[in-house]
C-alpha atoms as a PDB file:
ATOM      1  CA  MET A   1     -66.173  68.109-172.328  1.00  0.00           C
ATOM      2  CA  ARG A   2     -63.420  70.553-171.032  1.00  0.00           C
ATOM      3  CA  MET A   3     -60.862  67.805-169.813  1.00  0.00           C
ATOM      4  CA  MET A   4     -61.187  66.090-172.961  1.00  0.00           C
ATOM      5  CA  GLN A   5     -60.340  68.671-174.771  1.00  0.00           C
ATOM      6  CA  LEU A   6     -57.190  69.291-172.024  1.00  0.00           C
ATOM      7  CA  CYS A   7     -56.046  65.860-173.219  1.00  0.00           C
ATOM      8  CA  ALA A   8     -56.293  66.411-176.854  1.00  0.00           C
ATOM      9  CA  VAL A   9     -53.996  69.395-176.056  1.00  0.00           C
ATOM     10  CA  VAL A  10     -51.666  67.041-173.823  1.00  0.00           C
ATOM     11  CA  VAL A  11     -51.683  64.886-176.374  1.00  0.00           C
ATOM     12  CA  LEU A  12     -51.132  67.126-179.214  1.00  0.00           C
ATOM     13  CA  ALA A  13     -48.441  68.725-177.604  1.00  0.00           C
ATOM     14  CA  ARG A  14     -46.321  65.481-176.583  1.00  0.00           C
ATOM     15  CA  MET A  15     -46.562  64.616-180.286  1.00  0.00           C
ATOM     16  CA  LEU A  16     -45.208  68.125-181.350  1.00  0.00           C
ATOM     17  CA  ALA A  17     -42.744  67.725-178.804  1.00  0.00           C
ATOM     18  CA  VAL A  18     -41.382  64.126-180.238  1.00  0.00           C
ATOM     19  CA  ALA A  19     -37.918  64.816-182.585  1.00  0.00           C
ATOM     20  CA  ALA A  20     -38.883  64.349-186.145  1.00  0.00           C
ATOM     21  CA  PRO A  21     -38.104  60.415-187.417  1.00  0.00           C
ATOM     22  CA  ASN A  22     -34.694  60.726-189.231  1.00  0.00           C
ATOM     23  CA  TYR A  23     -32.279  58.163-191.346  1.00  0.00           C
ATOM     24  CA  VAL A  24     -30.236  56.152-188.499  1.00  0.00           C
ATOM     25  CA  GLY A  25     -28.509  54.117-191.198  1.00  0.00           C
ATOM     26  CA  SER A  26     -27.995  50.326-191.754  1.00  0.00           C
ATOM     27  CA  ALA A  27     -25.853  49.572-189.478  1.00  0.00           C
ATOM     28  CA  ALA A  28     -29.014  50.243-186.361  1.00  0.00           C
ATOM     29  CA  CYS A  29     -30.803  47.293-188.026  1.00  0.00           C
ATOM     30  CA  LYS A  30     -27.533  44.832-186.849  1.00  0.00           C
ATOM     31  CA  THR A  31     -28.829  45.396-183.477  1.00  0.00           C
ATOM     32  CA  CYS A  32     -31.955  43.271-183.481  1.00  0.00           C
ATOM     33  CA  HIS A  33     -31.065  41.356-186.494  1.00  0.00           C
ATOM     34  CA  PRO A  34     -27.641  39.734-186.757  1.00  0.00           C
ATOM     35  CA  ALA A  35     -28.198  37.225-188.830  1.00  0.00           C
ATOM     36  CA  ILE A  36     -30.084  39.002-191.449  1.00  0.00           C
ATOM     37  CA  TYR A  37     -27.705  41.711-190.992  1.00  0.00           C
ATOM     38  CA  ALA A  38     -24.928  39.178-191.650  1.00  0.00           C
ATOM     39  CA  ARG A  39     -26.779  38.074-194.759  1.00  0.00           C
ATOM     40  CA  TRP A  40     -27.396  41.406-196.203  1.00  0.00           C
ATOM     41  CA  GLU A  41     -23.963  43.025-195.487  1.00  0.00           C
ATOM     42  CA  LYS A  42     -23.107  40.471-198.418  1.00  0.00           C
ATOM     43  CA  THR A  43     -24.745  41.572-200.878  1.00  0.00           C
ATOM     44  CA  PRO A  44     -24.603  44.035-203.782  1.00  0.00           C
ATOM     45  CA  MET A  45     -27.118  46.047-202.384  1.00  0.00           C
ATOM     46  CA  ALA A  46     -25.358  46.515-199.040  1.00  0.00           C
ATOM     47  CA  ASN A  47     -22.410  47.723-200.541  1.00  0.00           C
ATOM     48  CA  ILE A  48     -22.931  49.598-203.810  1.00  0.00           C
ATOM     49  CA  VAL A  49     -23.127  53.234-202.125  1.00  0.00           C
ATOM     50  CA  ARG A  50     -19.778  53.576-199.743  1.00  0.00           C
ATOM     51  CA  ASP A  51     -18.460  55.997-197.912  1.00  0.00           C
ATOM     52  CA  PRO A  52     -15.661  57.278-198.896  1.00  0.00           C
ATOM     53  CA  ARG A  53     -13.994  58.205-195.732  1.00  0.00           C
ATOM     54  CA  ASP A  54     -14.450  54.765-194.488  1.00  0.00           C
ATOM     55  CA  HIS A  55     -13.751  53.407-197.731  1.00  0.00           C
ATOM     56  CA  PRO A  56     -11.129  55.064-199.244  1.00  0.00           C
ATOM     57  CA  ASP A  57     -10.871  52.562-202.468  1.00  0.00           C
ATOM     58  CA  ALA A  58     -14.459  53.716-203.231  1.00  0.00           C
ATOM     59  CA  ILE A  59     -14.799  55.339-206.703  1.00  0.00           C
ATOM     60  CA  VAL A  60     -15.715  59.136-206.283  1.00  0.00           C
ATOM     61  CA  PRO A  61     -17.178  60.447-209.606  1.00  0.00           C
ATOM     62  CA  ASP A  62     -16.724  63.796-210.575  1.00  0.00           C
ATOM     63  CA  LEU A  63     -20.520  65.526-210.466  1.00  0.00           C
ATOM     64  CA  SER A  64     -19.626  68.893-211.419  1.00  0.00           C
ATOM     65  CA  SER A  65     -20.982  68.355-215.450  1.00  0.00           C
ATOM     66  CA  ALA A  66     -22.817  66.516-217.708  1.00  0.00           C
ATOM     67  CA  THR A  67     -20.074  65.457-219.830  1.00  0.00           C
END
């Protein structure tokens, strides 16, 4: 029983030590799924949100007021 408790503590410690998952971005999918990514990047969904630093032609709205 003592060994099982020790194993449980070790497993729990390892689980807590793992970094929390975070968003890696769509480009990360390209490595494993190049054909699917190539089709997807031409869709409206892929192009609706653009970082203005990468796409200076993107429209950046003024969201400081509701009017």
